[in-house]
N, C-alpha and C. Protein backbone atom coordinates (compact mmCIF):
# COMPACT_ATOMS: atom_id res chain seq x y z
N MET A 1 114.55 108.97 57.77
CA MET A 1 114.90 109.62 59.02
C MET A 1 115.45 111.00 58.70
N LYS A 2 114.99 111.99 59.41
CA LYS A 2 115.48 113.37 59.28
C LYS A 2 116.48 113.64 60.40
N ASN A 3 117.32 114.64 60.18
CA ASN A 3 118.27 115.02 61.23
C ASN A 3 118.52 116.52 61.20
N SER A 4 119.07 117.02 62.29
CA SER A 4 119.35 118.45 62.41
C SER A 4 120.86 118.72 62.53
N ILE A 5 121.65 117.85 61.93
CA ILE A 5 123.11 117.99 62.05
C ILE A 5 123.61 119.30 61.44
N LYS A 6 123.07 119.67 60.30
CA LYS A 6 123.51 120.91 59.65
C LYS A 6 123.24 122.11 60.56
N VAL A 7 122.08 122.12 61.20
CA VAL A 7 121.73 123.21 62.12
C VAL A 7 122.67 123.20 63.32
N GLU A 8 122.89 122.03 63.89
CA GLU A 8 123.79 121.92 65.05
C GLU A 8 125.20 122.34 64.69
N ARG A 9 125.64 121.98 63.49
CA ARG A 9 126.97 122.40 63.03
C ARG A 9 127.06 123.91 62.97
N ALA A 10 126.02 124.54 62.46
CA ALA A 10 126.01 126.01 62.36
C ALA A 10 126.03 126.65 63.74
N ILE A 11 125.24 126.10 64.66
CA ILE A 11 125.21 126.63 66.03
C ILE A 11 126.60 126.54 66.66
N HIS A 12 127.31 125.45 66.40
CA HIS A 12 128.63 125.24 66.98
C HIS A 12 129.77 125.75 66.09
N ASP A 13 129.41 126.44 65.00
CA ASP A 13 130.38 127.04 64.09
C ASP A 13 131.41 126.03 63.60
N LEU A 14 130.91 124.90 63.09
CA LEU A 14 131.79 123.84 62.58
C LEU A 14 131.52 123.62 61.10
N THR A 15 132.58 123.41 60.34
CA THR A 15 132.43 122.99 58.95
C THR A 15 132.20 121.48 58.94
N GLN A 16 131.80 120.97 57.79
CA GLN A 16 131.67 119.51 57.67
C GLN A 16 133.01 118.84 57.95
N GLU A 17 134.07 119.42 57.45
CA GLU A 17 135.41 118.86 57.64
C GLU A 17 135.80 118.85 59.12
N GLN A 18 135.55 119.94 59.82
CA GLN A 18 135.88 120.00 61.25
C GLN A 18 135.09 118.98 62.05
N LEU A 19 133.80 118.86 61.75
CA LEU A 19 132.97 117.87 62.45
C LEU A 19 133.46 116.46 62.15
N ALA A 20 133.78 116.21 60.90
CA ALA A 20 134.28 114.89 60.51
C ALA A 20 135.56 114.53 61.28
N GLN A 21 136.47 115.49 61.40
CA GLN A 21 137.71 115.25 62.13
C GLN A 21 137.44 114.94 63.59
N LYS A 22 136.51 115.65 64.21
CA LYS A 22 136.19 115.41 65.61
C LYS A 22 135.61 114.02 65.83
N LEU A 23 134.92 113.50 64.81
CA LEU A 23 134.26 112.20 64.93
C LEU A 23 135.08 111.05 64.34
N GLY A 24 136.15 111.38 63.63
CA GLY A 24 136.98 110.33 63.02
C GLY A 24 136.34 109.71 61.80
N VAL A 25 135.58 110.51 61.05
CA VAL A 25 134.96 110.04 59.81
C VAL A 25 135.34 111.00 58.69
N SER A 26 134.91 110.69 57.48
CA SER A 26 135.22 111.57 56.35
C SER A 26 134.19 112.70 56.23
N ARG A 27 134.59 113.75 55.54
CA ARG A 27 133.66 114.84 55.28
C ARG A 27 132.48 114.34 54.45
N GLN A 28 132.75 113.39 53.56
CA GLN A 28 131.70 112.82 52.72
C GLN A 28 130.64 112.11 53.57
N THR A 29 131.05 111.49 54.66
CA THR A 29 130.11 110.83 55.56
C THR A 29 129.18 111.86 56.18
N ILE A 30 129.73 112.97 56.63
CA ILE A 30 128.91 114.03 57.23
C ILE A 30 127.94 114.56 56.18
N HIS A 31 128.42 114.80 54.97
CA HIS A 31 127.56 115.29 53.90
C HIS A 31 126.43 114.30 53.62
N ALA A 32 126.74 113.02 53.56
CA ALA A 32 125.73 112.00 53.28
C ALA A 32 124.68 111.92 54.40
N ILE A 33 125.10 112.05 55.64
CA ILE A 33 124.15 112.05 56.76
C ILE A 33 123.26 113.27 56.68
N GLU A 34 123.85 114.44 56.47
CA GLU A 34 123.07 115.68 56.39
C GLU A 34 122.07 115.64 55.23
N SER A 35 122.44 114.96 54.15
CA SER A 35 121.58 114.87 52.97
C SER A 35 120.56 113.73 53.07
N ASN A 36 120.54 113.06 54.22
CA ASN A 36 119.64 111.92 54.44
C ASN A 36 119.87 110.79 53.45
N LYS A 37 121.12 110.65 52.99
CA LYS A 37 121.48 109.56 52.08
C LYS A 37 122.13 108.41 52.83
N TYR A 38 122.48 108.65 54.09
CA TYR A 38 123.17 107.64 54.90
C TYR A 38 122.67 107.75 56.33
N VAL A 39 122.32 106.60 56.89
CA VAL A 39 121.89 106.55 58.29
C VAL A 39 123.10 106.10 59.10
N PRO A 40 123.54 106.91 60.06
CA PRO A 40 124.75 106.56 60.81
C PRO A 40 124.52 105.38 61.74
N SER A 41 125.61 104.75 62.12
CA SER A 41 125.54 103.67 63.11
C SER A 41 125.08 104.26 64.44
N THR A 42 124.67 103.40 65.31
CA THR A 42 124.25 103.84 66.65
C THR A 42 125.39 104.56 67.36
N ILE A 43 126.58 104.03 67.22
CA ILE A 43 127.75 104.63 67.88
C ILE A 43 128.01 106.04 67.34
N LEU A 44 127.96 106.19 66.02
CA LEU A 44 128.20 107.52 65.44
C LEU A 44 127.09 108.49 65.84
N ALA A 45 125.85 108.02 65.86
CA ALA A 45 124.74 108.88 66.29
C ALA A 45 124.94 109.32 67.73
N MET A 46 125.40 108.43 68.58
CA MET A 46 125.63 108.78 69.98
C MET A 46 126.80 109.75 70.12
N LYS A 47 127.83 109.59 69.32
CA LYS A 47 128.96 110.52 69.34
C LYS A 47 128.52 111.91 68.91
N LEU A 48 127.69 111.98 67.87
CA LEU A 48 127.16 113.26 67.42
C LEU A 48 126.35 113.93 68.53
N ALA A 49 125.49 113.16 69.16
CA ALA A 49 124.65 113.70 70.23
C ALA A 49 125.51 114.22 71.38
N ARG A 50 126.49 113.45 71.77
CA ARG A 50 127.37 113.86 72.88
C ARG A 50 128.13 115.14 72.52
N LEU A 51 128.64 115.20 71.29
CA LEU A 51 129.39 116.38 70.83
C LEU A 51 128.53 117.63 70.88
N PHE A 52 127.25 117.50 70.50
CA PHE A 52 126.35 118.65 70.47
C PHE A 52 125.61 118.86 71.79
N GLY A 53 125.83 117.99 72.77
CA GLY A 53 125.18 118.14 74.07
C GLY A 53 123.68 117.91 73.99
N LYS A 54 123.27 116.98 73.15
CA LYS A 54 121.85 116.68 72.94
C LYS A 54 121.60 115.19 73.12
N GLN A 55 120.32 114.84 73.20
CA GLN A 55 119.92 113.44 73.15
C GLN A 55 119.84 113.03 71.69
N VAL A 56 120.06 111.75 71.40
CA VAL A 56 120.01 111.26 70.02
C VAL A 56 118.67 111.63 69.37
N GLY A 57 117.58 111.49 70.12
CA GLY A 57 116.26 111.79 69.60
C GLY A 57 116.03 113.26 69.29
N GLU A 58 116.87 114.12 69.81
CA GLU A 58 116.77 115.55 69.50
C GLU A 58 117.44 115.87 68.16
N ILE A 59 118.33 115.00 67.71
CA ILE A 59 119.05 115.22 66.46
C ILE A 59 118.45 114.40 65.32
N PHE A 60 118.05 113.18 65.62
CA PHE A 60 117.49 112.28 64.62
C PHE A 60 116.02 112.03 64.90
N ARG A 61 115.18 112.16 63.87
CA ARG A 61 113.74 111.96 64.01
C ARG A 61 113.25 110.99 62.96
N LEU A 62 112.49 109.99 63.40
CA LEU A 62 111.88 109.06 62.45
C LEU A 62 110.71 109.71 61.75
N GLU A 63 110.54 109.36 60.49
CA GLU A 63 109.40 109.82 59.72
C GLU A 63 108.40 108.67 59.62
N GLU A 64 107.20 108.96 59.23
CA GLU A 64 106.16 107.92 59.15
C GLU A 64 106.58 106.74 58.28
N GLU A 65 107.27 107.02 57.17
CA GLU A 65 107.64 105.94 56.26
C GLU A 65 108.83 105.11 56.76
N ASP A 66 109.47 105.50 57.83
CA ASP A 66 110.62 104.77 58.37
C ASP A 66 110.19 103.51 59.09
């Protein structure tokens, strides 16, 4: 699964640490999601979407191999 969290963070002028604090997770979690090493829970994905004013499908995209 690919995501556009890094792009959205840049648009909203947020560091990984600032985004992590807003979501109640660690900076390492944000880094792992951005690096496609960790797939967030449905709740975390929905929180990210709400924070960025997007639909979940606009931030997370399935790839053929998923």
